C-alpha atoms as a PDB file:
ATOM      1  CA  UNK A   1     -14.305 -89.543  -2.951  1.00  0.00           C
ATOM      2  CA  UNK A   2     -13.638 -86.979  -6.256  1.00  0.00           C
ATOM      3  CA  UNK A   3     -13.793 -83.210  -6.218  1.00  0.00           C
ATOM      4  CA  UNK A   4     -16.275 -83.357  -8.869  1.00  0.00           C
ATOM      5  CA  UNK A   5     -18.511 -85.879  -6.796  1.00  0.00           C
ATOM      6  CA  UNK A   6     -18.277 -83.332  -4.080  1.00  0.00           C
ATOM      7  CA  UNK A   7     -19.440 -80.581  -6.292  1.00  0.00           C
ATOM      8  CA  UNK A   8     -22.302 -82.684  -7.685  1.00  0.00           C
ATOM      9  CA  UNK A   9     -23.296 -83.792  -4.242  1.00  0.00           C
ATOM     10  CA  UNK A  10     -23.345 -80.076  -3.041  1.00  0.00           C
ATOM     11  CA  UNK A  11     -25.593 -79.047  -6.471  1.00  0.00           C
ATOM     12  CA  UNK A  12     -27.839 -81.598  -5.026  1.00  0.00           C
ATOM     13  CA  UNK A  13     -27.945 -79.853  -1.443  1.00  0.00           C
ATOM     14  CA  UNK A  14     -25.639 -82.376   0.356  1.00  0.00           C
ATOM     15  CA  UNK A  15     -23.574 -79.891   2.832  1.00  0.00           C
ATOM     16  CA  UNK A  16     -22.069 -82.826   4.872  1.00  0.00           C
ATOM     17  CA  UNK A  17     -18.682 -84.112   3.716  1.00  0.00           C
ATOM     18  CA  UNK A  18     -17.123 -85.171   6.841  1.00  0.00           C
ATOM     19  CA  UNK A  19     -14.521 -87.171   7.537  1.00  0.00           C
ATOM     20  CA  UNK A  20     -13.644 -87.711   3.826  1.00  0.00           C
ATOM     21  CA  UNK A  21     -10.325 -88.038   2.113  1.00  0.00           C
ATOM     22  CA  UNK A  22     -10.082 -84.968  -0.652  1.00  0.00           C
ATOM     23  CA  UNK A  23      -6.199 -85.175  -0.827  1.00  0.00           C
ATOM     24  CA  UNK A  24      -4.497 -83.117  -4.097  1.00  0.00           C
ATOM     25  CA  UNK A  25      -8.670 -82.285  -5.029  1.00  0.00           C
ATOM     26  CA  UNK A  26      -9.341 -78.812  -6.994  1.00  0.00           C
ATOM     27  CA  UNK A  27     -12.304 -76.707  -5.771  1.00  0.00           C
ATOM     28  CA  UNK A  28     -10.981 -73.430  -7.665  1.00  0.00           C
ATOM     29  CA  UNK A  29     -13.661 -71.293  -8.343  1.00  0.00           C
ATOM     30  CA  UNK A  30     -16.294 -73.142  -6.673  1.00  0.00           C
ATOM     31  CA  UNK A  31     -18.905 -72.274  -3.957  1.00  0.00           C
ATOM     32  CA  UNK A  32     -18.948 -74.280  -1.244  1.00  0.00           C
ATOM     33  CA  UNK A  33     -20.978 -71.875   1.481  1.00  0.00           C
ATOM     34  CA  UNK A  34     -22.033 -74.020   4.058  1.00  0.00           C
ATOM     35  CA  UNK A  35     -20.132 -76.995   3.603  1.00  0.00           C
ATOM     36  CA  UNK A  36     -19.148 -79.275   6.920  1.00  0.00           C
ATOM     37  CA  UNK A  37     -15.824 -80.287   5.423  1.00  0.00           C
ATOM     38  CA  UNK A  38     -14.783 -81.282   9.515  1.00  0.00           C
ATOM     39  CA  UNK A  39     -12.353 -84.146   9.947  1.00  0.00           C
ATOM     40  CA  UNK A  40     -11.370 -84.072   6.268  1.00  0.00           C
ATOM     41  CA  UNK A  41      -8.015 -85.116   4.786  1.00  0.00           C
ATOM     42  CA  UNK A  42      -7.466 -81.658   2.899  1.00  0.00           C
ATOM     43  CA  UNK A  43      -3.668 -82.344   1.781  1.00  0.00           C
ATOM     44  CA  UNK A  44      -2.674 -80.449  -1.198  1.00  0.00           C
ATOM     45  CA  UNK A  45      -6.481 -79.218  -1.544  1.00  0.00           C
ATOM     46  CA  UNK A  46      -7.041 -76.201  -4.198  1.00  0.00           C
ATOM     47  CA  UNK A  47      -9.284 -73.785  -2.286  1.00  0.00           C
ATOM     48  CA  UNK A  48      -7.862 -70.881  -4.327  1.00  0.00           C
ATOM     49  CA  UNK A  49     -11.216 -68.308  -5.290  1.00  0.00           C
ATOM     50  CA  UNK A  50     -13.628 -70.776  -3.846  1.00  0.00           C
ATOM     51  CA  UNK A  51     -16.373 -69.617  -1.755  1.00  0.00           C
ATOM     52  CA  UNK A  52     -16.376 -70.593   1.781  1.00  0.00           C
ATOM     53  CA  UNK A  53     -18.761 -68.876   3.746  1.00  0.00           C
ATOM     54  CA  UNK A  54     -19.817 -70.678   6.636  1.00  0.00           C
ATOM     55  CA  UNK A  55     -18.023 -73.366   5.674  1.00  0.00           C
ATOM     56  CA  UNK A  56     -16.977 -76.034   8.511  1.00  0.00           C
ATOM     57  CA  UNK A  57     -13.017 -76.764   8.638  1.00  0.00           C
ATOM     58  CA  UNK A  58     -13.255 -78.280  12.435  1.00  0.00           C
ATOM     59  CA  UNK A  59     -10.342 -80.465  13.191  1.00  0.00           C
ATOM     60  CA  UNK A  60      -9.316 -80.929   9.255  1.00  0.00           C
ATOM     61  CA  UNK A  61      -5.659 -81.673   8.379  1.00  0.00           C
ATOM     62  CA  UNK A  62      -4.438 -79.664   5.863  1.00  0.00           C
ATOM     63  CA  UNK A  63      -0.864 -78.728   4.418  1.00  0.00           C
ATOM     64  CA  UNK A  64       1.376 -80.092   1.940  1.00  0.00           C
ATOM     65  CA  UNK A  65       0.861 -83.774   0.661  1.00  0.00           C
ATOM     66  CA  UNK A  66       3.940 -85.960   1.907  1.00  0.00           C
ATOM     67  CA  UNK A  67       5.978 -86.095  -1.829  1.00  0.00           C
ATOM     68  CA  UNK A  68       5.790 -82.101  -1.478  1.00  0.00           C
ATOM     69  CA  UNK A  69       7.066 -82.042   1.826  1.00  0.00           C
ATOM     70  CA  UNK A  70      10.120 -84.809   0.588  1.00  0.00           C
ATOM     71  CA  UNK A  71      10.570 -82.419  -2.581  1.00  0.00           C
ATOM     72  CA  UNK A  72      11.240 -79.634  -0.670  1.00  0.00           C
ATOM     73  CA  UNK A  73      13.593 -80.944   1.801  1.00  0.00           C
ATOM     74  CA  UNK A  74      15.525 -82.549  -0.933  1.00  0.00           C
ATOM     75  CA  UNK A  75      15.843 -79.441  -2.665  1.00  0.00           C
ATOM     76  CA  UNK A  76      17.162 -77.849   0.899  1.00  0.00           C
ATOM     77  CA  UNK A  77      19.423 -80.362   1.112  1.00  0.00           C
ATOM     78  CA  UNK A  78      21.142 -79.615  -1.963  1.00  0.00           C
ATOM     79  CA  UNK A  79      21.187 -76.043  -1.403  1.00  0.00           C
ATOM     80  CA  UNK A  80      22.821 -76.450   1.587  1.00  0.00           C
ATOM     81  CA  UNK A  81      25.426 -79.002   0.272  1.00  0.00           C
ATOM     82  CA  UNK A  82      26.264 -76.296  -2.556  1.00  0.00           C
ATOM     83  CA  UNK A  83      26.430 -73.059  -0.161  1.00  0.00           C
ATOM     84  CA  UNK A  84      28.738 -75.530   2.277  1.00  0.00           C
ATOM     85  CA  UNK A  85      31.089 -76.156  -0.796  1.00  0.00           C
ATOM     86  CA  UNK A  86      30.801 -72.484  -1.802  1.00  0.00           C
ATOM     87  CA  UNK A  87      31.659 -71.444   1.777  1.00  0.00           C
ATOM     88  CA  UNK A  88      34.798 -73.841   2.128  1.00  0.00           C
ATOM     89  CA  UNK A  89      36.013 -72.859  -1.322  1.00  0.00           C
ATOM     90  CA  UNK A  90      35.664 -69.136  -0.091  1.00  0.00           C
ATOM     91  CA  UNK A  91      37.283 -70.101   3.525  1.00  0.00           C
ATOM     92  CA  UNK A  92      40.098 -71.760   1.929  1.00  0.00           C
ATOM     93  CA  UNK A  93      41.004 -68.850  -0.396  1.00  0.00           C
ATOM     94  CA  UNK A  94      40.885 -66.110   2.148  1.00  0.00           C
ATOM     95  CA  UNK A  95      43.569 -68.149   3.956  1.00  0.00           C
ATOM     96  CA  UNK A  96      45.776 -68.416   1.226  1.00  0.00           C
ATOM     97  CA  UNK A  97      46.709 -64.633   2.744  1.00  0.00           C
ATOM     98  CA  UNK A  98      48.788 -66.314   4.852  1.00  0.00           C
ATOM     99  CA  UNK A  99      50.691 -68.470   2.539  1.00  0.00           C
ATOM    100  CA  UNK A 100      54.423 -67.284   2.272  1.00  0.00           C
ATOM    101  CA  UNK A 101      54.283 -67.672  -1.136  1.00  0.00           C
ATOM    102  CA  UNK A 102      53.411 -64.281  -2.967  1.00  0.00           C
ATOM    103  CA  UNK A 103      50.942 -65.731  -5.596  1.00  0.00           C
ATOM    104  CA  UNK A 104      48.834 -67.339  -3.264  1.00  0.00           C
ATOM    105  CA  UNK A 105      48.705 -64.192  -0.863  1.00  0.00           C
ATOM    106  CA  UNK A 106      47.535 -62.401  -4.193  1.00  0.00           C
ATOM    107  CA  UNK A 107      44.942 -65.061  -4.791  1.00  0.00           C
ATOM    108  CA  UNK A 108      43.796 -64.685  -1.489  1.00  0.00           C
ATOM    109  CA  UNK A 109      43.692 -61.074  -1.331  1.00  0.00           C
ATOM    110  CA  UNK A 110      41.741 -60.838  -4.454  1.00  0.00           C
ATOM    111  CA  UNK A 111      38.810 -63.379  -3.630  1.00  0.00           C
ATOM    112  CA  UNK A 112      38.813 -61.588  -0.006  1.00  0.00           C
ATOM    113  CA  UNK A 113      38.224 -58.423  -2.276  1.00  0.00           C
ATOM    114  CA  UNK A 114      35.011 -60.689  -4.471  1.00  0.00           C
ATOM    115  CA  UNK A 115      33.923 -61.516  -1.071  1.00  0.00           C
ATOM    116  CA  UNK A 116      33.451 -57.951   0.196  1.00  0.00           C
ATOM    117  CA  UNK A 117      32.335 -56.712  -2.964  1.00  0.00           C
ATOM    118  CA  UNK A 118      29.504 -59.505  -2.936  1.00  0.00           C
ATOM    119  CA  UNK A 119      27.972 -58.403   0.819  1.00  0.00           C
ATOM    120  CA  UNK A 120      28.404 -54.862  -0.522  1.00  0.00           C
ATOM    121  CA  UNK A 121      26.331 -55.505  -3.226  1.00  0.00           C
ATOM    122  CA  UNK A 122      23.680 -57.675  -1.774  1.00  0.00           C
ATOM    123  CA  UNK A 123      23.366 -55.060   1.148  1.00  0.00           C
ATOM    124  CA  UNK A 124      22.477 -52.709  -1.552  1.00  0.00           C
ATOM    125  CA  UNK A 125      20.392 -54.762  -3.133  1.00  0.00           C
ATOM    126  CA  UNK A 126      18.020 -55.028   0.156  1.00  0.00           C
ATOM    127  CA  UNK A 127      19.575 -58.369   1.003  1.00  0.00           C
ATOM    128  CA  UNK A 128      20.989 -57.150   4.251  1.00  0.00           C
ATOM    129  CA  UNK A 129      18.247 -58.807   6.381  1.00  0.00           C
ATOM    130  CA  UNK A 130      18.700 -62.390   4.698  1.00  0.00           C
ATOM    131  CA  UNK A 131      22.085 -62.015   5.055  1.00  0.00           C
ATOM    132  CA  UNK A 132      22.261 -61.098   8.507  1.00  0.00           C
ATOM    133  CA  UNK A 133      19.826 -63.749   9.338  1.00  0.00           C
ATOM    134  CA  UNK A 134      22.434 -66.230   7.964  1.00  0.00           C
ATOM    135  CA  UNK A 135      25.260 -64.846  10.004  1.00  0.00           C
ATOM    136  CA  UNK A 136      22.999 -64.807  13.540  1.00  0.00           C
ATOM    137  CA  UNK A 137      21.747 -68.355  12.671  1.00  0.00           C
ATOM    138  CA  UNK A 138      25.536 -69.606  11.743  1.00  0.00           C
ATOM    139  CA  UNK A 139      27.143 -67.755  14.760  1.00  0.00           C
END
């Protein structure tokens, strides 16, 4: 059943919408007071600014639609790969400090200083909590 059908039935006085598949429906700014959405499929349904006083959502299944979950997981995977590559590069550059060649040592010290400056700026911008959480998670 579509959102427009539910709204039409609600205006006729119907309040029982149990076990319907309302995935992705848009009920923005609608008055659905007293409606019974028990055991409905509500993934991705938009109830923003809707009046839901006395509405029943017992056993309703809500959350993100599967395609959005997959998209968010793929974005997270890309970010993890990018940060891992950056971390590996930073680690390699810092190890150049111990290289016998003076040019490599300068590059190693320069990269270390840049990383320290980055950490200080991150703390100053109140990103310290996130960095600490990342350090604890990585430990």
